[in-house]
Amino acid sequence: GNGKSTLARLLSGHLPALSGEIVRAQKLVVGYFAQDHLEQLNPSFTAMEQVATAMGDGSAQAVRDWLGRFGLGQERSEVRVGSLSGGEKTRLALSLVTLGRPNLMILDEPTNHLDVDSRRSLMDGLNEFEGAILLISHDRQLIETTCDQLWLVGGGTCRAWSGDMDEYRDLLLSERSAGQRNAAGSDAERTSRRDVRREAAKNRAALAPLRKRLAQIDQVLASAGDEKKALEERMGDPSFYGGDKDNVVRAVTRVKELADIIETAEAEWLEVQEALEQALAEP
């Protein structure tokens, strides 16, 4: 509620300035990913039609290749947008944002609706992007993995924040303590930074189980994913089926088991991550 999304719309050119002047470089190309990105998609289009319309003169193969870069293969590219999952819609929206080859990307809460693999792909993609990125997010892992400078929006201003995420949480705790004292009419002195850090440490300790569980789930996903990939590569070799039939049956069964393990782990990962984000966002 401090104006982060409003600032993003202003910088992206989607909102006119009420006063002052905005000067943009002549060759600046901005890619803007809004919080309401799902509403900007046409539910009656297929993913292919959505991108083809934005691309203009691109061939069908060029559209498929572009969608494939965002994890939307040929089968999913023919599905109506209204029938895609939340994560698939987000990936489709990201494909549209980057279609114009922007040198500045403004992303407002891009990890909403994304599954584990999509979040990882987004982090990798942002780190590989050669242009500038302005990111608005409550996803601490995303921020700490991709951002090299933090900005604080509040009180009608936007200023550089020299501290890290822990110090930002200290600030929130300090402001909350001050607000509680003012509401109660307390004449107590401001909470010392040492006390604030102690309170922050207690909160980090309370969040430690969630962080630990996320790390454990990541290990499960990595292990199961590697094993599943190795088995699928073996099963992709025609000579594999000319050997022991029991090995073939075991491989097929194991791939199904691993798929179930991955699906269950991803669902839990999203639940734990959401709980962690909510805890971090609490004032």
Protein backbone atom coordinates (compact mmCIF):
# COMPACT_ATOMS: atom_id res chain seq x y z
CA GLY A 1 0.00 0.00 0.00
CA ASN A 2 3.01 2.33 -0.20
CA GLY A 3 2.92 2.76 -3.97
CA LYS A 4 5.32 0.14 -5.33
CA SER A 5 3.00 -0.98 -8.13
CA THR A 6 2.08 2.63 -8.90
CA LEU A 7 5.78 3.47 -9.24
CA ALA A 8 6.26 0.47 -11.53
CA ARG A 9 3.39 1.58 -13.78
CA LEU A 10 4.80 5.11 -13.83
CA LEU A 11 8.30 3.98 -14.83
CA SER A 12 6.95 1.57 -17.44
CA GLY A 13 4.87 4.28 -19.11
CA HIS A 14 1.53 2.69 -18.22
CA LEU A 15 0.63 5.59 -15.92
CA PRO A 16 1.15 9.32 -16.66
CA ALA A 17 2.96 11.50 -14.16
CA LEU A 18 0.75 13.99 -12.29
CA SER A 19 3.64 16.45 -12.15
CA GLY A 20 7.34 16.66 -12.86
CA GLU A 21 9.14 15.19 -15.84
CA ILE A 22 10.25 11.70 -16.87
CA VAL A 23 13.17 11.50 -19.30
CA ARG A 24 13.75 8.20 -21.09
CA ALA A 25 16.59 7.20 -23.39
CA GLN A 26 15.50 7.14 -27.03
CA LYS A 27 16.37 3.46 -27.50
CA LEU A 28 14.92 2.31 -24.18
CA VAL A 29 12.64 -0.72 -24.53
CA VAL A 30 10.69 -1.61 -21.39
CA GLY A 31 9.12 -4.97 -20.65
CA TYR A 32 6.45 -4.65 -17.95
CA PHE A 33 5.02 -7.61 -16.02
CA ALA A 34 2.04 -6.41 -13.99
CA GLN A 35 0.38 -8.02 -10.97
CA ASP A 36 -2.82 -8.33 -13.00
CA HIS A 37 -1.01 -10.06 -15.88
CA LEU A 38 -3.59 -12.85 -15.97
CA GLU A 39 -6.32 -10.34 -16.78
CA GLN A 40 -4.34 -9.15 -19.81
CA LEU A 41 -4.47 -12.56 -21.48
CA ASN A 42 -7.29 -13.56 -23.82
CA PRO A 43 -8.86 -16.74 -22.36
CA SER A 44 -10.34 -17.73 -25.73
CA PHE A 45 -6.94 -17.69 -27.45
CA THR A 46 -4.51 -20.58 -27.41
CA ALA A 47 -1.01 -19.77 -26.17
CA MET A 48 0.10 -19.98 -29.82
CA GLU A 49 -2.52 -17.44 -30.89
CA GLN A 50 -1.68 -15.12 -27.99
CA VAL A 51 2.01 -14.97 -28.88
CA ALA A 52 1.41 -14.97 -32.65
CA THR A 53 -0.83 -11.92 -32.28
CA ALA A 54 1.84 -10.07 -30.29
CA MET A 55 4.65 -11.24 -32.57
CA GLY A 56 2.88 -10.07 -35.71
CA ASP A 57 4.88 -11.52 -38.59
CA GLY A 58 6.45 -14.53 -36.87
CA SER A 59 6.13 -18.01 -38.37
CA ALA A 60 4.32 -20.80 -36.53
CA GLN A 61 7.66 -22.46 -35.82
CA ALA A 62 9.09 -19.23 -34.43
CA VAL A 63 6.11 -18.95 -32.09
CA ARG A 64 6.52 -22.57 -30.95
CA ASP A 65 10.24 -22.07 -30.39
CA TRP A 66 9.58 -18.94 -28.34
CA LEU A 67 6.95 -20.63 -26.17
CA GLY A 68 9.25 -23.62 -25.71
CA ARG A 69 11.82 -21.34 -24.07
CA PHE A 70 9.24 -20.69 -21.36
CA GLY A 71 8.30 -24.32 -20.77
CA LEU A 72 5.20 -24.34 -22.97
CA GLY A 73 5.78 -27.22 -25.39
CA GLN A 74 3.78 -27.97 -28.50
CA GLU A 75 0.99 -29.76 -26.64
CA ARG A 76 0.40 -26.98 -24.10
CA SER A 77 0.81 -24.24 -26.71
CA GLU A 78 -2.41 -25.45 -28.37
CA VAL A 79 -4.46 -25.25 -25.15
CA ARG A 80 -6.85 -22.36 -24.62
CA VAL A 81 -5.42 -19.77 -22.23
CA GLY A 82 -8.47 -20.09 -20.01
CA SER A 83 -7.62 -23.78 -19.45
CA LEU A 84 -3.95 -23.26 -18.58
CA SER A 85 -2.77 -23.51 -14.98
CA GLY A 86 -1.80 -20.39 -13.06
CA GLY A 87 1.88 -21.16 -13.53
CA GLU A 88 1.46 -21.71 -17.27
CA LYS A 89 -0.41 -18.42 -17.62
CA THR A 90 2.40 -16.65 -15.77
CA ARG A 91 5.00 -18.21 -18.07
CA LEU A 92 2.93 -17.17 -21.08
CA ALA A 93 2.74 -13.61 -19.75
CA LEU A 94 6.52 -13.59 -19.21
CA SER A 95 7.02 -14.76 -22.79
CA LEU A 96 4.97 -11.76 -23.97
CA VAL A 97 6.89 -9.34 -21.73
CA THR A 98 10.24 -10.37 -23.21
CA LEU A 99 9.00 -10.64 -26.80
CA GLY A 100 10.17 -7.12 -27.64
CA ARG A 101 13.72 -7.84 -26.40
CA PRO A 102 13.57 -5.19 -23.65
CA ASN A 103 16.70 -3.68 -22.14
CA LEU A 104 14.75 -2.84 -18.98
CA MET A 105 12.33 -5.28 -17.38
CA ILE A 106 9.95 -4.19 -14.64
CA LEU A 107 8.48 -7.19 -12.84
CA ASP A 108 5.73 -6.78 -10.24
CA GLU A 109 5.38 -9.97 -8.12
CA PRO A 110 6.42 -12.34 -10.96
CA THR A 111 6.51 -15.50 -8.82
CA ASN A 112 2.79 -15.52 -8.03
CA HIS A 113 1.29 -18.84 -9.24
CA LEU A 114 4.68 -20.25 -10.29
CA ASP A 115 5.66 -23.80 -9.36
CA VAL A 116 9.09 -24.79 -8.06
CA ASP A 117 10.72 -25.43 -11.43
CA SER A 118 9.30 -22.22 -12.90
CA ARG A 119 10.64 -20.19 -9.98
CA ARG A 120 14.08 -21.67 -10.47
CA SER A 121 13.93 -20.99 -14.20
CA LEU A 122 12.89 -17.40 -13.50
CA MET A 123 15.84 -16.90 -11.15
CA ASP A 124 18.23 -18.32 -13.74
CA GLY A 125 16.70 -16.19 -16.47
CA LEU A 126 16.92 -12.97 -14.45
CA ASN A 127 20.57 -13.63 -13.59
CA GLU A 128 21.38 -14.28 -17.25
CA PHE A 129 19.51 -11.19 -18.48
CA GLU A 130 22.01 -8.59 -19.67
CA GLY A 131 19.77 -5.56 -19.26
CA ALA A 132 18.44 -3.80 -16.16
CA ILE A 133 15.72 -5.26 -13.95
CA LEU A 134 13.40 -3.58 -11.49
CA LEU A 135 11.81 -6.24 -9.30
CA ILE A 136 8.93 -5.91 -6.85
CA SER A 137 8.56 -9.05 -4.76
CA HIS A 138 7.84 -10.51 -1.33
CA ASP A 139 9.81 -13.62 -2.32
CA ARG A 140 12.90 -13.26 -0.19
CA GLN A 141 14.73 -16.09 -1.95
CA LEU A 142 14.13 -14.43 -5.32
CA ILE A 143 15.32 -11.07 -4.03
CA GLU A 144 18.47 -12.41 -2.41
CA THR A 145 19.28 -14.56 -5.44
CA THR A 146 18.85 -11.95 -8.16
CA CYS A 147 19.08 -8.40 -6.77
CA ASP A 148 22.26 -6.40 -6.15
CA GLN A 149 20.58 -3.21 -4.90
CA LEU A 150 17.54 -2.64 -2.69
CA TRP A 151 15.18 0.34 -2.73
CA LEU A 152 12.74 1.29 0.00
CA VAL A 153 9.33 2.65 -0.99
CA GLY A 154 7.38 4.33 1.79
CA GLY A 155 6.07 7.63 3.04
CA GLY A 156 5.68 8.95 -0.48
CA THR A 157 9.35 8.47 -1.31
CA CYS A 158 11.65 5.93 -2.94
CA ARG A 159 15.23 5.77 -1.70
CA ALA A 160 18.17 3.43 -1.84
CA TRP A 161 18.37 0.97 1.06
CA SER A 162 21.96 0.31 2.12
CA GLY A 163 21.13 -2.58 4.46
CA ASP A 164 20.27 -6.20 3.77
CA MET A 165 17.00 -8.07 4.19
CA ASP A 166 17.63 -8.78 7.87
CA GLU A 167 18.17 -5.08 8.54
CA TYR A 168 14.99 -4.30 6.64
CA ARG A 169 13.09 -6.63 8.94
CA ASP A 170 14.75 -4.87 11.88
CA LEU A 171 13.34 -1.60 10.53
CA LEU A 172 9.83 -3.05 10.31
CA LEU A 173 10.07 -4.35 13.87
CA SER A 174 11.30 -0.97 15.08
CA GLU A 175 8.45 0.85 13.34
CA ARG A 176 5.92 -1.61 14.75
CA SER A 177 7.29 -1.12 18.25
CA ALA A 178 7.15 2.65 17.83
CA GLY A 179 3.58 2.47 16.53
CA GLN A 180 2.47 0.33 19.45
CA ARG A 181 3.98 2.81 21.92
CA ASN A 182 2.34 5.76 20.22
CA ALA A 183 -1.05 4.01 20.18
CA ALA A 184 -0.77 3.32 23.88
CA GLY A 185 0.45 6.81 24.63
CA SER A 186 3.64 5.39 26.04
CA ASP A 187 6.46 7.74 27.01
CA ALA A 188 9.07 4.98 26.83
CA GLU A 189 12.19 5.68 24.86
CA ARG A 190 12.62 4.28 21.37
CA THR A 191 13.60 0.64 21.26
CA SER A 192 17.35 0.36 20.97
CA ARG A 193 18.86 -1.25 17.86
CA ARG A 194 20.23 -3.98 20.09
CA ASP A 195 16.74 -4.84 21.31
CA VAL A 196 15.40 -4.74 17.78
CA ARG A 197 18.09 -7.13 16.62
CA ARG A 198 17.24 -9.49 19.46
CA GLU A 199 13.59 -9.46 18.42
CA ALA A 200 14.60 -9.99 14.80
CA ALA A 201 16.77 -12.93 15.83
CA LYS A 202 13.82 -14.46 17.67
CA ASN A 203 11.68 -14.10 14.56
CA ARG A 204 14.38 -15.66 12.37
CA ALA A 205 14.58 -18.55 14.81
CA ALA A 206 10.82 -19.00 14.56
CA LEU A 207 11.10 -19.13 10.76
CA ALA A 208 14.05 -21.52 10.83
CA PRO A 209 11.87 -24.69 10.66
CA LEU A 210 10.18 -23.40 7.50
CA ARG A 211 13.53 -22.60 5.87
CA LYS A 212 14.91 -25.98 6.90
CA ARG A 213 11.90 -27.78 5.43
CA LEU A 214 12.27 -25.88 2.15
CA ALA A 215 15.91 -26.98 1.95
CA GLN A 216 14.90 -30.59 2.63
CA ILE A 217 12.22 -30.49 -0.07
CA ASP A 218 14.72 -28.98 -2.52
CA GLN A 219 17.01 -31.94 -1.88
CA VAL A 220 14.17 -34.39 -2.49
CA LEU A 221 13.23 -32.63 -5.73
CA ALA A 222 16.81 -32.53 -6.96
CA SER A 223 17.44 -36.20 -6.15
CA ALA A 224 14.13 -37.44 -7.58
CA GLY A 225 14.48 -35.22 -10.64
CA ASP A 226 17.99 -36.47 -11.42
CA GLU A 227 16.96 -40.12 -11.00
CA LYS A 228 13.85 -39.67 -13.14
CA LYS A 229 15.83 -37.93 -15.88
CA ALA A 230 18.45 -40.68 -15.92
CA LEU A 231 15.78 -43.40 -16.17
CA GLU A 232 13.93 -41.58 -18.92
CA GLU A 233 17.16 -41.26 -20.90
CA ARG A 234 17.71 -45.02 -20.59
CA MET A 235 14.12 -45.69 -21.60
CA GLY A 236 14.59 -43.45 -24.61
CA ASP A 237 17.19 -45.86 -26.00
CA PRO A 238 15.49 -48.60 -28.11
CA SER A 239 18.19 -51.12 -27.13
CA PHE A 240 17.03 -50.87 -23.50
CA TYR A 241 13.92 -52.86 -24.32
CA GLY A 242 15.89 -55.73 -25.80
CA GLY A 243 17.33 -56.74 -22.44
CA ASP A 244 15.81 -58.07 -19.23
CA LYS A 245 12.03 -57.45 -19.29
CA ASP A 246 11.97 -57.16 -15.49
CA ASN A 247 14.36 -54.22 -15.71
CA VAL A 248 11.99 -52.51 -18.11
CA VAL A 249 9.02 -53.05 -15.79
CA ARG A 250 11.00 -51.79 -12.80
CA ALA A 251 12.12 -48.72 -14.70
CA VAL A 252 8.58 -47.84 -15.81
CA THR A 253 7.25 -48.35 -12.28
CA ARG A 254 10.03 -46.28 -10.76
CA VAL A 255 9.47 -43.37 -13.15
CA LYS A 256 5.82 -43.27 -12.10
CA GLU A 257 6.82 -43.38 -8.43
CA LEU A 258 9.30 -40.54 -8.93
CA ALA A 259 6.69 -38.47 -10.75
CA ASP A 260 4.36 -38.86 -7.75
CA ILE A 261 7.19 -37.97 -5.35
CA ILE A 262 8.00 -34.84 -7.34
CA GLU A 263 4.36 -33.77 -7.57
CA THR A 264 3.84 -34.21 -3.82
CA ALA A 265 7.10 -32.42 -2.98
CA GLU A 266 6.28 -29.49 -5.27
CA ALA A 267 2.86 -29.08 -3.67
CA GLU A 268 4.41 -29.08 -0.19
CA TRP A 269 7.16 -26.68 -1.32
CA LEU A 270 4.57 -24.16 -2.48
CA GLU A 271 2.65 -24.44 0.80
CA VAL A 272 5.77 -23.96 2.93
CA GLN A 273 7.04 -21.12 0.73
CA GLU A 274 3.68 -19.36 0.98
CA ALA A 275 3.71 -19.72 4.77
CA LEU A 276 7.24 -18.31 4.86
CA GLU A 277 6.35 -15.37 2.61
CA GLN A 278 3.31 -14.54 4.73
CA ALA A 279 5.41 -14.63 7.89
CA LEU A 280 8.05 -12.37 6.33
CA ALA A 281 5.42 -9.91 5.07
CA GLU A 282 3.78 -9.53 8.49
CA PRO A 283 4.59 -6.12 10.02
